N, C-alpha and C. Protein backbone atom coordinates (compact mmCIF):
# COMPACT_ATOMS: atom_id res chain seq x y z
N MET A 1 0.82 -1.22 0.00
CA MET A 1 0.00 0.00 0.00
C MET A 1 0.86 1.27 0.00
N PHE A 2 1.97 1.26 0.75
CA PHE A 2 2.77 2.47 0.91
C PHE A 2 3.97 2.54 -0.03
N SER A 3 4.13 1.55 -0.91
CA SER A 3 5.34 1.51 -1.74
C SER A 3 5.29 2.47 -2.93
N GLN A 4 4.09 2.93 -3.29
CA GLN A 4 3.96 3.82 -4.45
C GLN A 4 3.66 5.27 -4.06
N ILE A 5 3.81 5.60 -2.79
CA ILE A 5 3.44 6.93 -2.31
C ILE A 5 4.42 7.99 -2.83
N LYS A 6 3.86 9.03 -3.45
CA LYS A 6 4.69 10.12 -3.98
C LYS A 6 4.44 11.46 -3.30
N ALA A 7 3.37 11.52 -2.50
CA ALA A 7 3.02 12.78 -1.84
C ALA A 7 2.22 12.49 -0.56
N ALA A 8 2.12 13.49 0.28
CA ALA A 8 1.32 13.35 1.51
C ALA A 8 0.46 14.59 1.71
N ILE A 9 -0.77 14.34 2.15
CA ILE A 9 -1.69 15.40 2.58
C ILE A 9 -1.71 15.34 4.10
N ILE A 10 -1.25 16.41 4.74
CA ILE A 10 -1.10 16.39 6.21
C ILE A 10 -2.03 17.41 6.84
N ASP A 11 -2.72 16.99 7.88
CA ASP A 11 -3.60 17.86 8.67
C ASP A 11 -2.75 18.79 9.54
N LEU A 12 -3.35 19.84 10.07
CA LEU A 12 -2.61 20.83 10.86
C LEU A 12 -2.88 20.71 12.37
N ASP A 13 -4.05 21.13 12.81
CA ASP A 13 -4.38 21.10 14.24
C ASP A 13 -4.47 19.66 14.75
N GLY A 14 -3.72 19.35 15.78
CA GLY A 14 -3.78 18.01 16.36
C GLY A 14 -2.88 17.01 15.68
N THR A 15 -2.31 17.40 14.52
CA THR A 15 -1.41 16.50 13.78
C THR A 15 0.00 17.08 13.75
N MET A 16 0.12 18.34 13.34
CA MET A 16 1.43 19.00 13.34
C MET A 16 1.60 19.95 14.52
N ILE A 17 0.53 20.66 14.86
CA ILE A 17 0.62 21.67 15.92
C ILE A 17 -0.46 21.44 16.97
N ASP A 18 -0.04 21.51 18.24
CA ASP A 18 -1.00 21.47 19.34
C ASP A 18 -1.52 22.89 19.54
N THR A 19 -2.65 23.16 18.90
CA THR A 19 -3.23 24.50 18.95
C THR A 19 -4.28 24.66 20.05
N SER A 20 -4.52 23.60 20.81
CA SER A 20 -5.59 23.68 21.81
C SER A 20 -5.38 24.81 22.83
N PRO A 21 -4.14 25.15 23.23
CA PRO A 21 -3.99 26.29 24.15
C PRO A 21 -4.41 27.62 23.51
N ASP A 22 -4.23 27.76 22.18
CA ASP A 22 -4.72 28.95 21.49
C ASP A 22 -6.25 28.99 21.49
N PHE A 23 -6.86 27.83 21.21
CA PHE A 23 -8.33 27.75 21.26
C PHE A 23 -8.85 28.14 22.64
N LEU A 24 -8.17 27.64 23.67
CA LEU A 24 -8.58 27.91 25.06
C LEU A 24 -8.64 29.41 25.32
N VAL A 25 -7.58 30.12 24.95
CA VAL A 25 -7.52 31.57 25.20
C VAL A 25 -8.58 32.31 24.39
N ALA A 26 -8.66 32.02 23.09
CA ALA A 26 -9.58 32.76 22.22
C ALA A 26 -11.04 32.49 22.59
N ILE A 27 -11.35 31.22 22.84
CA ILE A 27 -12.74 30.87 23.19
C ILE A 27 -13.14 31.51 24.51
N ASN A 28 -12.27 31.45 25.50
CA ASN A 28 -12.65 31.99 26.81
C ASN A 28 -12.67 33.52 26.82
N ARG A 29 -11.88 34.15 25.96
CA ARG A 29 -12.01 35.61 25.82
C ARG A 29 -13.35 35.95 25.18
N MET A 30 -13.75 35.17 24.19
CA MET A 30 -15.06 35.38 23.57
C MET A 30 -16.16 35.15 24.60
N ARG A 31 -16.04 34.08 25.37
CA ARG A 31 -17.07 33.78 26.38
C ARG A 31 -17.16 34.89 27.42
N SER A 32 -16.01 35.44 27.77
CA SER A 32 -15.99 36.55 28.72
C SER A 32 -16.75 37.76 28.16
N ASP A 33 -16.64 38.00 26.85
CA ASP A 33 -17.38 39.09 26.21
C ASP A 33 -18.89 38.92 26.39
N PHE A 34 -19.34 37.65 26.45
CA PHE A 34 -20.77 37.34 26.57
C PHE A 34 -21.16 37.02 28.02
N ALA A 35 -20.24 37.31 28.95
CA ALA A 35 -20.47 37.03 30.38
C ALA A 35 -20.75 35.56 30.66
N LEU A 36 -20.05 34.68 29.93
CA LEU A 36 -20.18 33.23 30.13
C LEU A 36 -18.94 32.71 30.86
N ALA A 37 -19.15 31.66 31.66
CA ALA A 37 -18.03 31.09 32.41
C ALA A 37 -17.02 30.43 31.48
N PRO A 38 -15.73 30.44 31.84
CA PRO A 38 -14.72 29.81 30.98
C PRO A 38 -14.90 28.29 30.90
N LEU A 39 -14.46 27.72 29.79
CA LEU A 39 -14.46 26.27 29.61
C LEU A 39 -13.04 25.74 29.86
N THR A 40 -12.94 24.47 30.21
CA THR A 40 -11.63 23.87 30.44
C THR A 40 -11.02 23.39 29.12
N LEU A 41 -9.71 23.18 29.13
CA LEU A 41 -9.01 22.70 27.95
C LEU A 41 -9.54 21.34 27.50
N ASP A 42 -9.81 20.45 28.44
CA ASP A 42 -10.31 19.12 28.09
C ASP A 42 -11.63 19.18 27.35
N VAL A 43 -12.51 20.08 27.78
CA VAL A 43 -13.81 20.24 27.11
C VAL A 43 -13.61 20.80 25.70
N ILE A 44 -12.76 21.80 25.60
CA ILE A 44 -12.52 22.45 24.30
C ILE A 44 -11.92 21.47 23.30
N LYS A 45 -11.02 20.61 23.76
CA LYS A 45 -10.39 19.64 22.85
C LYS A 45 -11.42 18.74 22.17
N THR A 46 -12.51 18.43 22.85
CA THR A 46 -13.53 17.55 22.25
C THR A 46 -14.33 18.27 21.18
N MET A 47 -14.24 19.61 21.13
CA MET A 47 -15.06 20.41 20.21
C MET A 47 -14.30 20.80 18.94
N VAL A 48 -12.99 20.59 18.93
CA VAL A 48 -12.13 21.07 17.84
C VAL A 48 -12.12 20.08 16.68
N GLY A 49 -11.98 20.60 15.46
CA GLY A 49 -11.69 19.72 14.33
C GLY A 49 -12.62 19.81 13.14
N LYS A 50 -13.78 20.42 13.33
CA LYS A 50 -14.73 20.47 12.21
C LYS A 50 -14.92 21.90 11.71
N GLY A 51 -13.95 22.76 11.99
CA GLY A 51 -14.02 24.14 11.51
C GLY A 51 -14.56 25.10 12.56
N SER A 52 -14.34 26.39 12.33
CA SER A 52 -14.68 27.43 13.31
C SER A 52 -16.19 27.51 13.58
N GLU A 53 -16.99 27.36 12.53
CA GLU A 53 -18.45 27.49 12.71
C GLU A 53 -18.97 26.40 13.64
N ASN A 54 -18.54 25.17 13.39
CA ASN A 54 -18.95 24.04 14.23
C ASN A 54 -18.47 24.23 15.66
N LEU A 55 -17.22 24.70 15.80
CA LEU A 55 -16.65 24.94 17.12
C LEU A 55 -17.48 25.93 17.93
N ILE A 56 -17.83 27.05 17.33
CA ILE A 56 -18.58 28.08 18.05
C ILE A 56 -19.99 27.61 18.37
N GLN A 57 -20.60 26.84 17.49
CA GLN A 57 -21.91 26.27 17.80
C GLN A 57 -21.83 25.38 19.04
N LYS A 58 -20.80 24.55 19.11
CA LYS A 58 -20.64 23.66 20.27
C LYS A 58 -20.35 24.46 21.55
N VAL A 59 -19.52 25.48 21.42
CA VAL A 59 -19.18 26.32 22.58
C VAL A 59 -20.43 27.01 23.12
N LEU A 60 -21.28 27.52 22.24
CA LEU A 60 -22.50 28.21 22.67
C LEU A 60 -23.53 27.23 23.22
N SER A 61 -23.54 26.01 22.69
CA SER A 61 -24.56 25.04 23.12
C SER A 61 -24.35 24.58 24.56
N VAL A 62 -23.19 24.89 25.13
CA VAL A 62 -22.98 24.62 26.56
C VAL A 62 -23.96 25.43 27.40
N ASP A 63 -24.31 26.62 26.92
CA ASP A 63 -25.13 27.55 27.71
C ASP A 63 -26.51 27.84 27.13
N PHE A 64 -26.68 27.61 25.83
CA PHE A 64 -27.93 28.02 25.17
C PHE A 64 -28.61 26.86 24.46
N ASP A 65 -29.95 26.97 24.31
CA ASP A 65 -30.67 26.02 23.47
C ASP A 65 -30.47 26.41 22.00
N ALA A 66 -31.07 25.67 21.09
CA ALA A 66 -30.84 25.89 19.66
C ALA A 66 -31.16 27.33 19.24
N ASP A 67 -32.25 27.88 19.76
CA ASP A 67 -32.61 29.27 19.40
C ASP A 67 -31.58 30.25 19.93
N GLY A 68 -31.11 30.00 21.15
CA GLY A 68 -30.10 30.87 21.75
C GLY A 68 -28.79 30.82 20.99
N VAL A 69 -28.41 29.61 20.60
CA VAL A 69 -27.18 29.45 19.80
C VAL A 69 -27.31 30.24 18.50
N ALA A 70 -28.44 30.09 17.83
CA ALA A 70 -28.66 30.78 16.55
C ALA A 70 -28.61 32.30 16.70
N SER A 71 -29.20 32.80 17.78
CA SER A 71 -29.27 34.26 17.94
C SER A 71 -27.92 34.87 18.32
N HIS A 72 -27.06 34.10 19.00
CA HIS A 72 -25.76 34.61 19.42
C HIS A 72 -24.63 34.28 18.43
N PHE A 73 -24.92 33.38 17.48
CA PHE A 73 -23.84 32.77 16.69
C PHE A 73 -22.96 33.77 15.94
N ASN A 74 -23.57 34.67 15.18
CA ASN A 74 -22.78 35.58 14.34
C ASN A 74 -21.86 36.47 15.17
N ASP A 75 -22.39 37.01 16.26
CA ASP A 75 -21.57 37.87 17.13
C ASP A 75 -20.48 37.07 17.82
N ALA A 76 -20.82 35.86 18.23
CA ALA A 76 -19.84 35.02 18.92
C ALA A 76 -18.72 34.60 17.99
N LEU A 77 -19.06 34.23 16.75
CA LEU A 77 -18.04 33.83 15.77
C LEU A 77 -17.12 35.00 15.47
N ALA A 78 -17.68 36.19 15.27
CA ALA A 78 -16.87 37.37 14.98
C ALA A 78 -15.93 37.68 16.16
N ALA A 79 -16.44 37.57 17.37
CA ALA A 79 -15.61 37.84 18.56
C ALA A 79 -14.50 36.82 18.68
N TYR A 80 -14.85 35.55 18.48
CA TYR A 80 -13.85 34.48 18.55
C TYR A 80 -12.74 34.71 17.52
N GLN A 81 -13.13 34.99 16.28
CA GLN A 81 -12.13 35.18 15.22
C GLN A 81 -11.25 36.39 15.51
N ARG A 82 -11.81 37.43 16.05
CA ARG A 82 -11.04 38.63 16.42
C ARG A 82 -10.01 38.28 17.50
N HIS A 83 -10.45 37.56 18.52
CA HIS A 83 -9.53 37.16 19.60
C HIS A 83 -8.48 36.18 19.09
N TYR A 84 -8.89 35.24 18.23
CA TYR A 84 -7.96 34.22 17.76
C TYR A 84 -6.83 34.86 16.96
N LEU A 85 -7.17 35.80 16.09
CA LEU A 85 -6.15 36.45 15.25
C LEU A 85 -5.11 37.18 16.09
N THR A 86 -5.51 37.70 17.24
CA THR A 86 -4.55 38.45 18.06
C THR A 86 -3.57 37.54 18.80
N ILE A 87 -3.93 36.25 18.99
CA ILE A 87 -3.04 35.35 19.76
C ILE A 87 -2.59 34.13 18.94
N ASN A 88 -2.94 34.09 17.66
CA ASN A 88 -2.67 32.93 16.81
C ASN A 88 -1.21 32.48 16.90
N GLY A 89 -0.99 31.28 17.43
CA GLY A 89 0.35 30.72 17.52
C GLY A 89 1.10 31.06 18.79
N ASP A 90 0.59 32.00 19.60
CA ASP A 90 1.32 32.43 20.81
C ASP A 90 1.41 31.34 21.86
N HIS A 91 0.37 30.50 21.95
CA HIS A 91 0.32 29.50 23.02
C HIS A 91 0.46 28.07 22.49
N SER A 92 0.53 27.93 21.18
CA SER A 92 0.59 26.60 20.55
C SER A 92 2.04 26.19 20.32
N GLN A 93 2.23 24.89 20.08
CA GLN A 93 3.58 24.42 19.77
C GLN A 93 3.53 23.20 18.86
N LEU A 94 4.63 23.01 18.14
CA LEU A 94 4.75 21.83 17.29
C LEU A 94 4.77 20.57 18.15
N TYR A 95 4.14 19.52 17.66
CA TYR A 95 4.28 18.22 18.31
C TYR A 95 5.71 17.69 18.07
N PRO A 96 6.17 16.75 18.92
CA PRO A 96 7.51 16.21 18.74
C PRO A 96 7.72 15.59 17.35
N LYS A 97 8.91 15.84 16.81
CA LYS A 97 9.38 15.21 15.55
C LYS A 97 8.61 15.65 14.32
N VAL A 98 7.88 16.77 14.40
CA VAL A 98 7.14 17.23 13.22
C VAL A 98 8.09 17.77 12.16
N GLN A 99 8.98 18.69 12.55
CA GLN A 99 9.90 19.24 11.55
C GLN A 99 10.82 18.17 10.99
N GLU A 100 11.29 17.29 11.86
CA GLU A 100 12.15 16.19 11.41
C GLU A 100 11.40 15.28 10.44
N GLY A 101 10.13 15.02 10.73
CA GLY A 101 9.31 14.18 9.86
C GLY A 101 9.07 14.82 8.51
N LEU A 102 8.75 16.13 8.51
CA LEU A 102 8.53 16.84 7.25
C LEU A 102 9.80 16.87 6.42
N GLN A 103 10.93 17.13 7.06
CA GLN A 103 12.21 17.16 6.35
C GLN A 103 12.54 15.78 5.77
N ALA A 104 12.29 14.74 6.57
CA ALA A 104 12.57 13.37 6.11
C ALA A 104 11.71 13.02 4.90
N MET A 105 10.45 13.45 4.91
CA MET A 105 9.57 13.19 3.76
C MET A 105 10.07 13.93 2.52
N ARG A 106 10.47 15.18 2.70
CA ARG A 106 11.01 15.94 1.57
C ARG A 106 12.29 15.30 1.05
N ASP A 107 13.12 14.80 1.97
CA ASP A 107 14.37 14.13 1.57
C ASP A 107 14.10 12.88 0.75
N LEU A 108 12.92 12.26 0.98
CA LEU A 108 12.52 11.09 0.18
C LEU A 108 11.98 11.48 -1.20
N GLY A 109 11.89 12.79 -1.42
CA GLY A 109 11.34 13.26 -2.69
C GLY A 109 9.84 13.42 -2.70
N MET A 110 9.24 13.32 -1.50
CA MET A 110 7.79 13.44 -1.42
C MET A 110 7.34 14.89 -1.52
N ARG A 111 6.20 15.09 -2.15
CA ARG A 111 5.57 16.41 -2.22
C ARG A 111 4.52 16.51 -1.12
N LEU A 112 4.41 17.68 -0.50
CA LEU A 112 3.55 17.83 0.68
C LEU A 112 2.49 18.90 0.46
N VAL A 113 1.27 18.57 0.91
CA VAL A 113 0.15 19.50 0.91
C VAL A 113 -0.46 19.48 2.30
N CYS A 114 -0.82 20.64 2.82
CA CYS A 114 -1.56 20.70 4.09
C CYS A 114 -3.03 20.95 3.78
N VAL A 115 -3.89 20.08 4.30
CA VAL A 115 -5.35 20.27 4.21
C VAL A 115 -5.89 20.34 5.63
N THR A 116 -6.40 21.50 6.01
CA THR A 116 -6.91 21.73 7.36
C THR A 116 -8.31 22.31 7.29
N ASN A 117 -9.09 22.12 8.35
CA ASN A 117 -10.39 22.77 8.43
C ASN A 117 -10.28 24.18 9.04
N LYS A 118 -9.08 24.57 9.43
CA LYS A 118 -8.84 25.91 9.97
C LYS A 118 -8.96 26.92 8.82
N PRO A 119 -9.56 28.08 9.06
CA PRO A 119 -9.60 29.10 8.00
C PRO A 119 -8.19 29.45 7.54
N LEU A 120 -8.03 29.69 6.26
CA LEU A 120 -6.71 29.96 5.69
C LEU A 120 -6.03 31.17 6.34
N ALA A 121 -6.81 32.16 6.73
CA ALA A 121 -6.25 33.37 7.36
C ALA A 121 -5.63 33.06 8.72
N PHE A 122 -6.03 31.93 9.33
CA PHE A 122 -5.41 31.48 10.59
C PHE A 122 -4.26 30.51 10.30
N ALA A 123 -4.47 29.62 9.32
CA ALA A 123 -3.51 28.53 9.06
C ALA A 123 -2.17 29.04 8.55
N LEU A 124 -2.19 29.95 7.57
CA LEU A 124 -0.95 30.38 6.94
C LEU A 124 -0.01 31.13 7.90
N PRO A 125 -0.51 32.13 8.67
CA PRO A 125 0.40 32.79 9.61
C PRO A 125 0.91 31.85 10.70
N LEU A 126 0.06 30.91 11.11
CA LEU A 126 0.48 29.95 12.14
C LEU A 126 1.62 29.07 11.62
N MET A 127 1.47 28.56 10.41
CA MET A 127 2.51 27.70 9.84
C MET A 127 3.80 28.49 9.60
N GLN A 128 3.66 29.75 9.22
CA GLN A 128 4.83 30.63 9.05
C GLN A 128 5.54 30.83 10.39
N LYS A 129 4.75 31.11 11.43
CA LYS A 129 5.31 31.37 12.77
C LYS A 129 6.05 30.15 13.31
N LYS A 130 5.50 28.97 13.01
CA LYS A 130 6.11 27.73 13.52
C LYS A 130 7.14 27.14 12.55
N GLU A 131 7.42 27.89 11.47
CA GLU A 131 8.51 27.56 10.53
C GLU A 131 8.32 26.20 9.84
N ILE A 132 7.08 25.94 9.41
CA ILE A 132 6.82 24.71 8.64
C ILE A 132 6.18 25.00 7.28
N LEU A 133 5.83 26.26 7.03
CA LEU A 133 5.11 26.59 5.80
C LEU A 133 5.92 26.23 4.55
N HIS A 134 7.23 26.40 4.60
CA HIS A 134 8.08 26.21 3.41
C HIS A 134 8.16 24.75 2.96
N TYR A 135 7.73 23.82 3.79
CA TYR A 135 7.74 22.40 3.39
C TYR A 135 6.62 22.07 2.40
N PHE A 136 5.61 22.94 2.30
CA PHE A 136 4.38 22.59 1.60
C PHE A 136 4.23 23.30 0.26
N GLU A 137 3.83 22.53 -0.76
CA GLU A 137 3.52 23.07 -2.08
C GLU A 137 2.21 23.85 -2.06
N HIS A 138 1.24 23.32 -1.35
CA HIS A 138 -0.08 23.95 -1.26
C HIS A 138 -0.59 23.86 0.17
N VAL A 139 -1.37 24.85 0.59
CA VAL A 139 -2.09 24.80 1.87
C VAL A 139 -3.55 25.13 1.57
N TYR A 140 -4.46 24.25 1.98
CA TYR A 140 -5.89 24.47 1.80
C TYR A 140 -6.57 24.52 3.16
N GLY A 141 -7.39 25.55 3.37
CA GLY A 141 -8.08 25.72 4.64
C GLY A 141 -9.54 25.31 4.56
N GLY A 142 -10.22 25.46 5.68
CA GLY A 142 -11.64 25.10 5.75
C GLY A 142 -12.52 25.96 4.87
N ASP A 143 -11.96 27.10 4.42
CA ASP A 143 -12.71 28.00 3.55
C ASP A 143 -12.18 28.01 2.11
N SER A 144 -11.32 27.04 1.77
CA SER A 144 -10.75 26.99 0.42
C SER A 144 -11.72 26.40 -0.61
N PHE A 145 -12.59 25.51 -0.15
CA PHE A 145 -13.53 24.82 -1.06
C PHE A 145 -14.95 24.92 -0.50
N ALA A 146 -15.89 24.45 -1.28
CA ALA A 146 -17.30 24.53 -0.88
C ALA A 146 -17.60 23.63 0.33
N LYS A 147 -16.79 22.59 0.52
CA LYS A 147 -16.98 21.67 1.64
C LYS A 147 -15.65 21.43 2.33
N LYS A 148 -15.70 21.05 3.61
CA LYS A 148 -14.49 20.75 4.35
C LYS A 148 -14.52 19.31 4.83
N LYS A 149 -13.39 18.81 5.33
CA LYS A 149 -13.35 17.45 5.88
C LYS A 149 -14.42 17.32 6.97
N PRO A 150 -15.14 16.21 7.07
CA PRO A 150 -14.90 14.88 6.50
C PRO A 150 -15.37 14.68 5.06
N ASP A 151 -15.85 15.73 4.39
CA ASP A 151 -16.16 15.57 2.96
C ASP A 151 -14.84 15.33 2.21
N PRO A 152 -14.85 14.47 1.19
CA PRO A 152 -13.61 14.17 0.48
C PRO A 152 -13.12 15.29 -0.45
N LEU A 153 -13.94 16.31 -0.69
CA LEU A 153 -13.60 17.33 -1.70
C LEU A 153 -12.21 17.94 -1.51
N PRO A 154 -11.81 18.38 -0.30
CA PRO A 154 -10.48 18.98 -0.17
C PRO A 154 -9.35 18.00 -0.53
N MET A 155 -9.50 16.74 -0.16
CA MET A 155 -8.50 15.71 -0.50
C MET A 155 -8.46 15.50 -2.02
N GLN A 156 -9.63 15.44 -2.64
CA GLN A 156 -9.70 15.26 -4.09
C GLN A 156 -9.04 16.42 -4.82
N GLU A 157 -9.30 17.63 -4.34
CA GLU A 157 -8.71 18.82 -4.96
C GLU A 157 -7.20 18.85 -4.76
N ALA A 158 -6.74 18.40 -3.59
CA ALA A 158 -5.29 18.34 -3.34
C ALA A 158 -4.61 17.36 -4.29
N CYS A 159 -5.24 16.22 -4.51
CA CYS A 159 -4.69 15.23 -5.47
C CYS A 159 -4.65 15.81 -6.87
N LYS A 160 -5.71 16.55 -7.23
CA LYS A 160 -5.74 17.19 -8.56
C LYS A 160 -4.60 18.20 -8.70
N ALA A 161 -4.40 19.00 -7.66
CA ALA A 161 -3.33 20.02 -7.69
C ALA A 161 -1.96 19.36 -7.83
N LEU A 162 -1.81 18.19 -7.21
CA LEU A 162 -0.55 17.44 -7.30
C LEU A 162 -0.41 16.71 -8.63
N GLY A 163 -1.55 16.49 -9.30
CA GLY A 163 -1.53 15.73 -10.54
C GLY A 163 -1.25 14.26 -10.32
N LEU A 164 -1.67 13.75 -9.16
CA LEU A 164 -1.40 12.35 -8.80
C LEU A 164 -2.70 11.61 -8.51
N PRO A 165 -2.76 10.30 -8.79
CA PRO A 165 -3.92 9.51 -8.39
C PRO A 165 -3.95 9.37 -6.86
N PRO A 166 -5.13 9.32 -6.25
CA PRO A 166 -5.23 9.23 -4.79
C PRO A 166 -4.44 8.08 -4.17
N ALA A 167 -4.30 6.98 -4.88
CA ALA A 167 -3.56 5.83 -4.33
C ALA A 167 -2.09 6.15 -4.08
N GLN A 168 -1.58 7.21 -4.71
CA GLN A 168 -0.18 7.61 -4.52
C GLN A 168 -0.03 8.77 -3.55
N VAL A 169 -1.14 9.15 -2.91
CA VAL A 169 -1.12 10.30 -1.99
C VAL A 169 -1.59 9.83 -0.60
N LEU A 170 -0.67 9.83 0.33
CA LEU A 170 -0.95 9.39 1.70
C LEU A 170 -1.51 10.54 2.53
N ALA A 171 -2.64 10.31 3.18
CA ALA A 171 -3.18 11.29 4.12
C ALA A 171 -2.67 10.96 5.53
N ILE A 172 -2.34 11.99 6.30
CA ILE A 172 -1.92 11.81 7.69
C ILE A 172 -2.72 12.79 8.55
N GLY A 173 -3.41 12.26 9.56
CA GLY A 173 -4.23 13.12 10.41
C GLY A 173 -4.39 12.55 11.79
N ASP A 174 -5.20 13.23 12.61
CA ASP A 174 -5.38 12.81 14.00
C ASP A 174 -6.81 12.43 14.33
N SER A 175 -7.72 12.56 13.35
CA SER A 175 -9.13 12.38 13.70
C SER A 175 -9.92 11.60 12.66
N SER A 176 -11.12 11.22 13.05
CA SER A 176 -12.01 10.52 12.12
C SER A 176 -12.33 11.38 10.91
N ASN A 177 -12.34 12.72 11.09
CA ASN A 177 -12.52 13.64 9.95
C ASN A 177 -11.56 13.32 8.82
N ASP A 178 -10.28 13.17 9.19
CA ASP A 178 -9.24 12.91 8.20
C ASP A 178 -9.44 11.55 7.54
N ALA A 179 -9.75 10.54 8.36
CA ALA A 179 -9.89 9.18 7.86
C ALA A 179 -11.11 9.04 6.94
N ILE A 180 -12.22 9.63 7.33
CA ILE A 180 -13.44 9.55 6.52
C ILE A 180 -13.22 10.24 5.17
N ALA A 181 -12.59 11.42 5.21
CA ALA A 181 -12.31 12.16 3.97
C ALA A 181 -11.35 11.39 3.07
N ALA A 182 -10.29 10.85 3.68
CA ALA A 182 -9.29 10.11 2.90
C ALA A 182 -9.89 8.86 2.27
N ARG A 183 -10.65 8.10 3.06
CA ARG A 183 -11.30 6.89 2.55
C ARG A 183 -12.20 7.22 1.35
N ALA A 184 -13.00 8.27 1.49
CA ALA A 184 -13.94 8.62 0.42
C ALA A 184 -13.20 9.13 -0.83
N ALA A 185 -12.00 9.69 -0.61
CA ALA A 185 -11.19 10.18 -1.73
C ALA A 185 -10.29 9.09 -2.31
N ALA A 186 -10.29 7.90 -1.66
CA ALA A 186 -9.47 6.75 -2.08
C ALA A 186 -7.98 6.94 -1.81
N CYS A 187 -7.66 7.76 -0.80
CA CYS A 187 -6.27 7.92 -0.36
C CYS A 187 -6.01 6.98 0.83
N PRO A 188 -4.82 6.37 0.91
CA PRO A 188 -4.46 5.67 2.15
C PRO A 188 -4.33 6.68 3.28
N ILE A 189 -4.55 6.24 4.52
CA ILE A 189 -4.55 7.16 5.66
C ILE A 189 -3.81 6.56 6.86
N LEU A 190 -2.90 7.34 7.42
CA LEU A 190 -2.26 7.01 8.69
C LEU A 190 -2.71 8.03 9.72
N THR A 191 -2.85 7.59 10.97
CA THR A 191 -3.25 8.50 12.04
C THR A 191 -2.18 8.58 13.12
N VAL A 192 -2.10 9.75 13.75
CA VAL A 192 -1.23 9.94 14.92
C VAL A 192 -2.09 9.83 16.17
N PRO A 193 -1.51 9.36 17.29
CA PRO A 193 -2.32 9.04 18.47
C PRO A 193 -2.52 10.18 19.47
N TYR A 194 -1.98 11.37 19.17
CA TYR A 194 -1.92 12.40 20.22
C TYR A 194 -2.86 13.58 20.00
N GLY A 195 -3.67 13.58 18.93
CA GLY A 195 -4.46 14.76 18.60
C GLY A 195 -5.78 14.86 19.34
N TYR A 196 -6.80 15.37 18.67
CA TYR A 196 -8.06 15.72 19.34
C TYR A 196 -9.17 14.70 19.10
N ASN A 197 -9.48 14.38 17.88
CA ASN A 197 -10.49 13.35 17.52
C ASN A 197 -11.79 13.43 18.29
N HIS A 198 -12.25 14.62 18.60
CA HIS A 198 -13.61 14.84 19.14
C HIS A 198 -13.88 14.02 20.41
N GLY A 199 -12.83 13.76 21.19
CA GLY A 199 -13.00 13.02 22.44
C GLY A 199 -13.07 11.51 22.29
N GLU A 200 -12.92 11.02 21.07
CA GLU A 200 -12.97 9.57 20.82
C GLU A 200 -11.56 8.97 20.81
N ALA A 201 -11.44 7.68 21.09
CA ALA A 201 -10.15 7.00 21.05
C ALA A 201 -9.66 6.88 19.61
N VAL A 202 -8.37 7.18 19.41
CA VAL A 202 -7.80 7.12 18.05
C VAL A 202 -7.88 5.71 17.48
N GLN A 203 -7.89 4.71 18.37
CA GLN A 203 -7.96 3.31 17.92
C GLN A 203 -9.29 3.00 17.22
N ASN A 204 -10.29 3.82 17.45
CA ASN A 204 -11.60 3.61 16.82
C ASN A 204 -11.66 4.12 15.37
N ILE A 205 -10.64 4.87 14.97
CA ILE A 205 -10.63 5.44 13.62
C ILE A 205 -10.29 4.33 12.61
N GLN A 206 -11.02 4.30 11.52
CA GLN A 206 -10.76 3.32 10.47
C GLN A 206 -9.62 3.81 9.58
N SER A 207 -8.39 3.66 10.06
CA SER A 207 -7.23 4.09 9.29
C SER A 207 -6.40 2.88 8.87
N ASP A 208 -5.33 3.14 8.14
CA ASP A 208 -4.44 2.06 7.68
C ASP A 208 -3.28 1.85 8.64
N GLY A 209 -3.32 2.52 9.77
CA GLY A 209 -2.27 2.34 10.77
C GLY A 209 -2.09 3.58 11.62
N ILE A 210 -1.53 3.39 12.81
CA ILE A 210 -1.22 4.50 13.72
C ILE A 210 0.29 4.66 13.77
N VAL A 211 0.78 5.87 13.56
CA VAL A 211 2.22 6.17 13.66
C VAL A 211 2.44 7.14 14.81
N GLU A 212 3.46 6.87 15.62
CA GLU A 212 3.68 7.68 16.82
C GLU A 212 3.98 9.14 16.50
N THR A 213 4.72 9.38 15.40
CA THR A 213 5.10 10.74 15.00
C THR A 213 5.15 10.82 13.48
N LEU A 214 5.28 12.04 12.96
CA LEU A 214 5.47 12.19 11.51
C LEU A 214 6.80 11.61 11.07
N LEU A 215 7.79 11.63 11.95
CA LEU A 215 9.09 11.03 11.60
C LEU A 215 8.95 9.52 11.42
N VAL A 216 8.16 8.88 12.28
CA VAL A 216 7.91 7.44 12.13
C VAL A 216 7.19 7.16 10.80
N ALA A 217 6.27 8.03 10.44
CA ALA A 217 5.59 7.89 9.14
C ALA A 217 6.60 7.96 8.00
N ALA A 218 7.53 8.90 8.08
CA ALA A 218 8.56 9.04 7.05
C ALA A 218 9.45 7.80 6.99
N GLN A 219 9.79 7.28 8.16
CA GLN A 219 10.64 6.08 8.22
C GLN A 219 9.92 4.87 7.62
N LEU A 220 8.61 4.78 7.87
CA LEU A 220 7.80 3.69 7.28
C LEU A 220 7.82 3.79 5.77
N LEU A 221 7.63 5.00 5.24
CA LEU A 221 7.64 5.22 3.79
C LEU A 221 9.01 4.91 3.21
N SER A 222 10.05 5.31 3.92
CA SER A 222 11.41 5.06 3.45
C SER A 222 11.68 3.57 3.34
N ALA A 223 11.25 2.81 4.34
CA ALA A 223 11.44 1.36 4.35
C ALA A 223 10.66 0.69 3.22
N LYS A 224 9.43 1.15 2.99
CA LYS A 224 8.59 0.56 1.95
C LYS A 224 9.13 0.86 0.55
N ASN A 225 9.72 2.07 0.41
CA ASN A 225 10.19 2.48 -0.91
C ASN A 225 11.59 1.98 -1.23
N SER A 226 12.28 1.39 -0.25
CA SER A 226 13.65 0.93 -0.48
C SER A 226 13.69 -0.49 -1.03
N HIS A 227 12.51 -1.17 -0.98
CA HIS A 227 12.48 -2.56 -1.47
C HIS A 227 12.32 -2.61 -2.98
């Protein structure tokens, strides 16, 4: 399965960067604007991964019914995005062996694309700040296409941009979002065990394997391609 891989589509939040501390600050500053009590990091981690709109709906649903969520949503989303932009990357950090893994993949001749559900205006400065942007040919955010993961469209578009069949493009992510999108796009998928995955165990994800780090993923590809 991994012997013909020529490129990788890699997720951002929970896969390359632990952004949950940034979410914690931005969400709780937004909640403070609305006189709502702060949420804990553990609670916030279960809400991350399906894009900003989904995140804010979940954050508001802690305190409001469906009508309340709807009436506060636009103001809450605007406040959250304003707060997030001011602290983007300040509290987050790369997971272990991410840069080493990206470099190892590039050394193998692999082409890299980042597909994230994070808005592009957040993703690009964050990747620049953490010094990983230069590894990637393309970066696609949650607002790059009409649909976001778990829909396969972003993965399909990434394969098109690469000019490669999905079977030659490995997806790497931390959640069922990534696996469902990759499966539907016909890309092989590896998962890392340390991300968010909506509070579910990573072992429950229907992936083609769990790799401890991106460097381990690169080493697996190197071994498969050397035969």
